[in-house]
Amino acid sequence: MNAKHKLLVASARMAGSSFANTVVFIMDHDENGAYGVAVNRKAEEVPCTCGMCPKNPFPMYLGGPCDINNRIIMLHGIPRVGKDRFAVMPGLWHGTPKTLNRIISTIPMDDHRFKVLTGYAGWAPGQLENEVAQGCWHIIEATPDLILDGDPDELWESLCPNTSKIPNFSDN
């Protein structure tokens, strides 16, 4: 089983865990383990108490419980700023802070197909395979549209309520 570039959809077995109702895009998965980012968990805005802080012009997402030393992960679907070396899959690219600044300053707000995430989710070797075997996750094909578009509050519900309709690729 390899879940690289697929979506993990938390099953009902994950209720009560930190991954309940979560959809995770797996960035990499090999013999060393797996890591990915939750694509449906908006971060709550922390109100500024000093009155000097600028408001963030875009929503932030909680990619997962693992810290990345105050850095961000950016995924985007804007071909004119995507570079081949940052391609994740057709129609989806990693972005850098420079990419984010270019998007914010030069592209109309209604053309912002990107997510900025803090943190990530990680699995030790064999851990994700074990969780899938226990029925904790459904593995489905990822698309840029599922990752970037639509209401993140409805993504898990749209993918998970009738799990018989979700193809499981755990046998790949």
C-alpha atoms as a PDB file:
ATOM      1  CA  MET A   1       0.000   0.000   0.000  1.00  0.00           C
ATOM      2  CA  ASN A   2       1.312   3.417  -0.902  1.00  0.00           C
ATOM      3  CA  ALA A   3      -0.769   6.467  -0.056  1.00  0.00           C
ATOM      4  CA  LYS A   4       1.535   9.085  -1.612  1.00  0.00           C
ATOM      5  CA  HIS A   5      -0.545  11.859  -3.220  1.00  0.00           C
ATOM      6  CA  LYS A   6      -3.791  10.352  -1.984  1.00  0.00           C
ATOM      7  CA  LEU A   7      -6.288  11.595   0.599  1.00  0.00           C
ATOM      8  CA  LEU A   8      -6.810   9.936   3.959  1.00  0.00           C
ATOM      9  CA  VAL A   9     -10.383  10.355   5.148  1.00  0.00           C
ATOM     10  CA  ALA A  10     -10.796   9.676   8.862  1.00  0.00           C
ATOM     11  CA  SER A  11     -13.301   6.912   9.520  1.00  0.00           C
ATOM     12  CA  ALA A  12     -15.827   6.854  12.340  1.00  0.00           C
ATOM     13  CA  ARG A  13     -13.200   4.910  14.338  1.00  0.00           C
ATOM     14  CA  MET A  14     -11.263   8.190  14.646  1.00  0.00           C
ATOM     15  CA  ALA A  15     -14.099   9.914  16.567  1.00  0.00           C
ATOM     16  CA  GLY A  16     -12.690  11.378  19.752  1.00  0.00           C
ATOM     17  CA  SER A  17      -9.134  11.538  18.415  1.00  0.00           C
ATOM     18  CA  SER A  18      -7.291  14.619  17.219  1.00  0.00           C
ATOM     19  CA  PHE A  19      -7.915  13.408  13.663  1.00  0.00           C
ATOM     20  CA  ALA A  20     -11.715  13.103  13.946  1.00  0.00           C
ATOM     21  CA  ASN A  21     -13.455  14.454  10.814  1.00  0.00           C
ATOM     22  CA  THR A  22     -10.102  15.117   9.155  1.00  0.00           C
ATOM     23  CA  VAL A  23      -8.982  14.809   5.540  1.00  0.00           C
ATOM     24  CA  VAL A  24      -5.202  14.526   5.093  1.00  0.00           C
ATOM     25  CA  PHE A  25      -3.312  14.898   1.810  1.00  0.00           C
ATOM     26  CA  ILE A  26      -0.319  12.535   1.913  1.00  0.00           C
ATOM     27  CA  MET A  27       2.744  14.375   0.599  1.00  0.00           C
ATOM     28  CA  ASP A  28       5.112  11.403   0.800  1.00  0.00           C
ATOM     29  CA  HIS A  29       4.933   7.753   1.798  1.00  0.00           C
ATOM     30  CA  ASP A  30       7.761   5.249   1.619  1.00  0.00           C
ATOM     31  CA  GLU A  31       9.607   2.682   3.749  1.00  0.00           C
ATOM     32  CA  ASN A  32      10.621   5.486   6.153  1.00  0.00           C
ATOM     33  CA  GLY A  33       7.008   6.379   6.971  1.00  0.00           C
ATOM     34  CA  ALA A  34       4.574   8.992   5.718  1.00  0.00           C
ATOM     35  CA  TYR A  35       3.747  12.632   6.134  1.00  0.00           C
ATOM     36  CA  GLY A  36       0.936  14.848   4.963  1.00  0.00           C
ATOM     37  CA  VAL A  37      -1.195  17.858   5.769  1.00  0.00           C
ATOM     38  CA  ALA A  38      -4.790  18.149   6.921  1.00  0.00           C
ATOM     39  CA  VAL A  39      -6.577  20.147   4.218  1.00  0.00           C
ATOM     40  CA  ASN A  40      -9.889  20.771   5.978  1.00  0.00           C
ATOM     41  CA  ARG A  41      -8.910  22.288   9.330  1.00  0.00           C
ATOM     42  CA  LYS A  42      -9.018  26.067   9.327  1.00  0.00           C
ATOM     43  CA  ALA A  43      -6.957  27.678  12.056  1.00  0.00           C
ATOM     44  CA  GLU A  44      -8.862  29.949  14.368  1.00  0.00           C
ATOM     45  CA  GLU A  45      -7.854  33.569  14.055  1.00  0.00           C
ATOM     46  CA  VAL A  46      -6.145  34.840  17.163  1.00  0.00           C
ATOM     47  CA  PRO A  47      -7.414  38.335  17.883  1.00  0.00           C
ATOM     48  CA  CYS A  48      -4.738  40.992  18.093  1.00  0.00           C
ATOM     49  CA  THR A  49      -4.664  42.697  21.475  1.00  0.00           C
ATOM     50  CA  CYS A  50      -2.157  45.401  20.580  1.00  0.00           C
ATOM     51  CA  GLY A  51      -4.062  46.865  17.625  1.00  0.00           C
ATOM     52  CA  MET A  52      -0.856  46.960  15.551  1.00  0.00           C
ATOM     53  CA  CYS A  53      -0.948  43.516  13.961  1.00  0.00           C
ATOM     54  CA  PRO A  54      -1.912  43.286  10.290  1.00  0.00           C
ATOM     55  CA  LYS A  55      -4.874  41.052   9.467  1.00  0.00           C
ATOM     56  CA  ASN A  56      -3.945  37.987   7.500  1.00  0.00           C
ATOM     57  CA  PRO A  57      -5.397  38.376   3.964  1.00  0.00           C
ATOM     58  CA  PHE A  58      -6.038  34.626   3.629  1.00  0.00           C
ATOM     59  CA  PRO A  59      -7.132  31.781   5.919  1.00  0.00           C
ATOM     60  CA  MET A  60      -4.513  29.577   7.542  1.00  0.00           C
ATOM     61  CA  TYR A  61      -4.956  25.841   8.015  1.00  0.00           C
ATOM     62  CA  LEU A  62      -3.701  23.489  10.705  1.00  0.00           C
ATOM     63  CA  GLY A  63      -1.776  20.920   8.700  1.00  0.00           C
ATOM     64  CA  GLY A  64      -1.281  18.672  11.678  1.00  0.00           C
ATOM     65  CA  PRO A  65       0.070  18.280  15.186  1.00  0.00           C
ATOM     66  CA  CYS A  66       3.769  18.130  14.244  1.00  0.00           C
ATOM     67  CA  ASP A  67       5.608  21.455  14.438  1.00  0.00           C
ATOM     68  CA  ILE A  68       7.677  22.754  11.527  1.00  0.00           C
ATOM     69  CA  ASN A  69       9.574  25.440  13.457  1.00  0.00           C
ATOM     70  CA  ASN A  70       7.283  28.371  12.665  1.00  0.00           C
ATOM     71  CA  ARG A  71       7.460  27.669   8.945  1.00  0.00           C
ATOM     72  CA  ILE A  72       4.570  27.174   6.582  1.00  0.00           C
ATOM     73  CA  ILE A  73       3.611  24.695   3.898  1.00  0.00           C
ATOM     74  CA  MET A  74       1.881  26.133   0.864  1.00  0.00           C
ATOM     75  CA  LEU A  75      -0.032  24.216  -1.788  1.00  0.00           C
ATOM     76  CA  HIS A  76      -1.486  26.006  -4.789  1.00  0.00           C
ATOM     77  CA  GLY A  77      -3.205  25.407  -8.103  1.00  0.00           C
ATOM     78  CA  ILE A  78      -2.178  28.537 -10.017  1.00  0.00           C
ATOM     79  CA  PRO A  79      -0.355  27.421 -13.191  1.00  0.00           C
ATOM     80  CA  ARG A  80       1.180  30.799 -14.025  1.00  0.00           C
ATOM     81  CA  VAL A  81       3.178  30.800 -10.785  1.00  0.00           C
ATOM     82  CA  GLY A  82       3.744  27.028 -10.563  1.00  0.00           C
ATOM     83  CA  LYS A  83       7.256  25.812 -11.347  1.00  0.00           C
ATOM     84  CA  ASP A  84       8.011  22.315 -12.618  1.00  0.00           C
ATOM     85  CA  ARG A  85      10.444  21.601  -9.787  1.00  0.00           C
ATOM     86  CA  PHE A  86       7.670  22.304  -7.261  1.00  0.00           C
ATOM     87  CA  ALA A  87       5.004  20.186  -8.996  1.00  0.00           C
ATOM     88  CA  VAL A  88       3.287  17.757  -6.633  1.00  0.00           C
ATOM     89  CA  MET A  89       0.831  16.369  -9.189  1.00  0.00           C
ATOM     90  CA  PRO A  90      -0.790  17.798 -12.337  1.00  0.00           C
ATOM     91  CA  GLY A  91      -2.488  21.031 -11.283  1.00  0.00           C
ATOM     92  CA  LEU A  92      -0.931  21.202  -7.791  1.00  0.00           C
ATOM     93  CA  TRP A  93       2.349  22.788  -6.714  1.00  0.00           C
ATOM     94  CA  HIS A  94       4.316  23.466  -3.531  1.00  0.00           C
ATOM     95  CA  GLY A  95       4.754  27.139  -2.948  1.00  0.00           C
ATOM     96  CA  THR A  96       7.456  29.136  -1.230  1.00  0.00           C
ATOM     97  CA  PRO A  97       7.076  32.375   0.746  1.00  0.00           C
ATOM     98  CA  LYS A  98       8.159  34.153  -2.461  1.00  0.00           C
ATOM     99  CA  THR A  99       5.328  32.404  -4.356  1.00  0.00           C
ATOM    100  CA  LEU A 100       2.848  33.401  -1.673  1.00  0.00           C
ATOM    101  CA  ASN A 101       3.940  37.053  -1.823  1.00  0.00           C
ATOM    102  CA  ARG A 102       3.610  37.031  -5.623  1.00  0.00           C
ATOM    103  CA  ILE A 103       0.136  35.515  -5.446  1.00  0.00           C
ATOM    104  CA  ILE A 104      -1.074  37.988  -2.843  1.00  0.00           C
ATOM    105  CA  SER A 105       0.341  41.023  -4.620  1.00  0.00           C
ATOM    106  CA  THR A 106      -0.370  40.261  -8.281  1.00  0.00           C
ATOM    107  CA  ILE A 107      -3.286  37.883  -8.631  1.00  0.00           C
ATOM    108  CA  PRO A 108      -6.919  38.933  -8.098  1.00  0.00           C
ATOM    109  CA  MET A 109      -8.326  37.609  -4.829  1.00  0.00           C
ATOM    110  CA  ASP A 110     -10.987  35.568  -6.644  1.00  0.00           C
ATOM    111  CA  ASP A 111      -8.188  33.583  -8.329  1.00  0.00           C
ATOM    112  CA  HIS A 112      -6.549  32.460  -5.092  1.00  0.00           C
ATOM    113  CA  ARG A 113      -6.412  28.683  -5.310  1.00  0.00           C
ATOM    114  CA  PHE A 114      -4.015  28.016  -2.473  1.00  0.00           C
ATOM    115  CA  LYS A 115      -3.753  26.814   1.104  1.00  0.00           C
ATOM    116  CA  VAL A 116      -1.221  27.954   3.645  1.00  0.00           C
ATOM    117  CA  LEU A 117      -0.711  25.413   6.402  1.00  0.00           C
ATOM    118  CA  THR A 118       1.147  25.259   9.684  1.00  0.00           C
ATOM    119  CA  GLY A 119       2.237  21.898  11.008  1.00  0.00           C
ATOM    120  CA  TYR A 120       1.955  18.467   9.455  1.00  0.00           C
ATOM    121  CA  ALA A 121       0.914  14.909  10.279  1.00  0.00           C
ATOM    122  CA  GLY A 122       3.575  12.204  10.349  1.00  0.00           C
ATOM    123  CA  TRP A 123       3.669   8.418  10.650  1.00  0.00           C
ATOM    124  CA  ALA A 124       6.582   6.139  11.552  1.00  0.00           C
ATOM    125  CA  PRO A 125       7.452   3.202   9.271  1.00  0.00           C
ATOM    126  CA  GLY A 126       4.475   0.831   9.134  1.00  0.00           C
ATOM    127  CA  GLN A 127       2.262   3.041  11.334  1.00  0.00           C
ATOM    128  CA  LEU A 128      -0.013   4.333   8.575  1.00  0.00           C
ATOM    129  CA  GLU A 129      -0.378   0.845   7.089  1.00  0.00           C
ATOM    130  CA  ASN A 130      -1.421  -0.423  10.526  1.00  0.00           C
ATOM    131  CA  GLU A 131      -3.974   2.387  10.981  1.00  0.00           C
ATOM    132  CA  VAL A 132      -5.464   1.691   7.539  1.00  0.00           C
ATOM    133  CA  ALA A 133      -5.636  -2.058   8.318  1.00  0.00           C
ATOM    134  CA  GLN A 134      -7.499  -1.218  11.550  1.00  0.00           C
ATOM    135  CA  GLY A 135     -10.073   0.775   9.569  1.00  0.00           C
ATOM    136  CA  CYS A 136      -9.038   4.203  10.872  1.00  0.00           C
ATOM    137  CA  TRP A 137      -8.617   5.736   7.409  1.00  0.00           C
ATOM    138  CA  HIS A 138     -10.163   5.445   3.979  1.00  0.00           C
ATOM    139  CA  ILE A 139      -7.721   6.128   1.156  1.00  0.00           C
ATOM    140  CA  ILE A 140      -9.128   7.923  -1.892  1.00  0.00           C
ATOM    141  CA  GLU A 141      -7.673   9.539  -4.981  1.00  0.00           C
ATOM    142  CA  ALA A 142      -6.645  13.139  -4.431  1.00  0.00           C
ATOM    143  CA  THR A 143      -7.307  15.911  -6.904  1.00  0.00           C
ATOM    144  CA  PRO A 144      -6.321  19.578  -6.773  1.00  0.00           C
ATOM    145  CA  ASP A 145     -10.036  20.433  -6.644  1.00  0.00           C
ATOM    146  CA  LEU A 146     -10.583  18.343  -3.502  1.00  0.00           C
ATOM    147  CA  ILE A 147      -7.472  19.786  -1.845  1.00  0.00           C
ATOM    148  CA  LEU A 148      -7.938  23.460  -2.751  1.00  0.00           C
ATOM    149  CA  ASP A 149     -11.575  24.188  -3.560  1.00  0.00           C
ATOM    150  CA  GLY A 150     -14.841  24.093  -1.762  1.00  0.00           C
ATOM    151  CA  ASP A 151     -15.788  24.536   1.840  1.00  0.00           C
ATOM    152  CA  PRO A 152     -13.287  22.867   4.193  1.00  0.00           C
ATOM    153  CA  ASP A 153     -16.056  22.481   6.776  1.00  0.00           C
ATOM    154  CA  GLU A 154     -17.951  20.210   4.369  1.00  0.00           C
ATOM    155  CA  LEU A 155     -15.057  18.248   2.824  1.00  0.00           C
ATOM    156  CA  TRP A 156     -14.981  15.394   5.346  1.00  0.00           C
ATOM    157  CA  GLU A 157     -18.787  15.033   5.282  1.00  0.00           C
ATOM    158  CA  SER A 158     -18.822  14.990   1.479  1.00  0.00           C
ATOM    159  CA  LEU A 159     -16.230  12.200   1.386  1.00  0.00           C
ATOM    160  CA  CYS A 160     -17.130  10.084   4.406  1.00  0.00           C
ATOM    161  CA  PRO A 161     -20.848   9.792   5.266  1.00  0.00           C
ATOM    162  CA  ASN A 162     -21.481   6.843   2.964  1.00  0.00           C
ATOM    163  CA  THR A 163     -18.190   5.003   3.065  1.00  0.00           C
ATOM    164  CA  SER A 164     -19.473   2.351   0.658  1.00  0.00           C
ATOM    165  CA  LYS A 165     -19.158   4.978  -2.098  1.00  0.00           C
ATOM    166  CA  ILE A 166     -15.523   5.708  -1.231  1.00  0.00           C
ATOM    167  CA  PRO A 167     -13.101   3.560  -3.241  1.00  0.00           C
ATOM    168  CA  ASN A 168     -10.420   2.138  -0.944  1.00  0.00           C
ATOM    169  CA  PHE A 169      -6.975   1.923  -2.534  1.00  0.00           C
ATOM    170  CA  SER A 170      -5.292   0.224   0.402  1.00  0.00           C
ATOM    171  CA  ASP A 171      -4.631  -2.843  -1.736  1.00  0.00           C
ATOM    172  CA  ASN A 172      -2.470  -0.872  -4.216  1.00  0.00           C
END
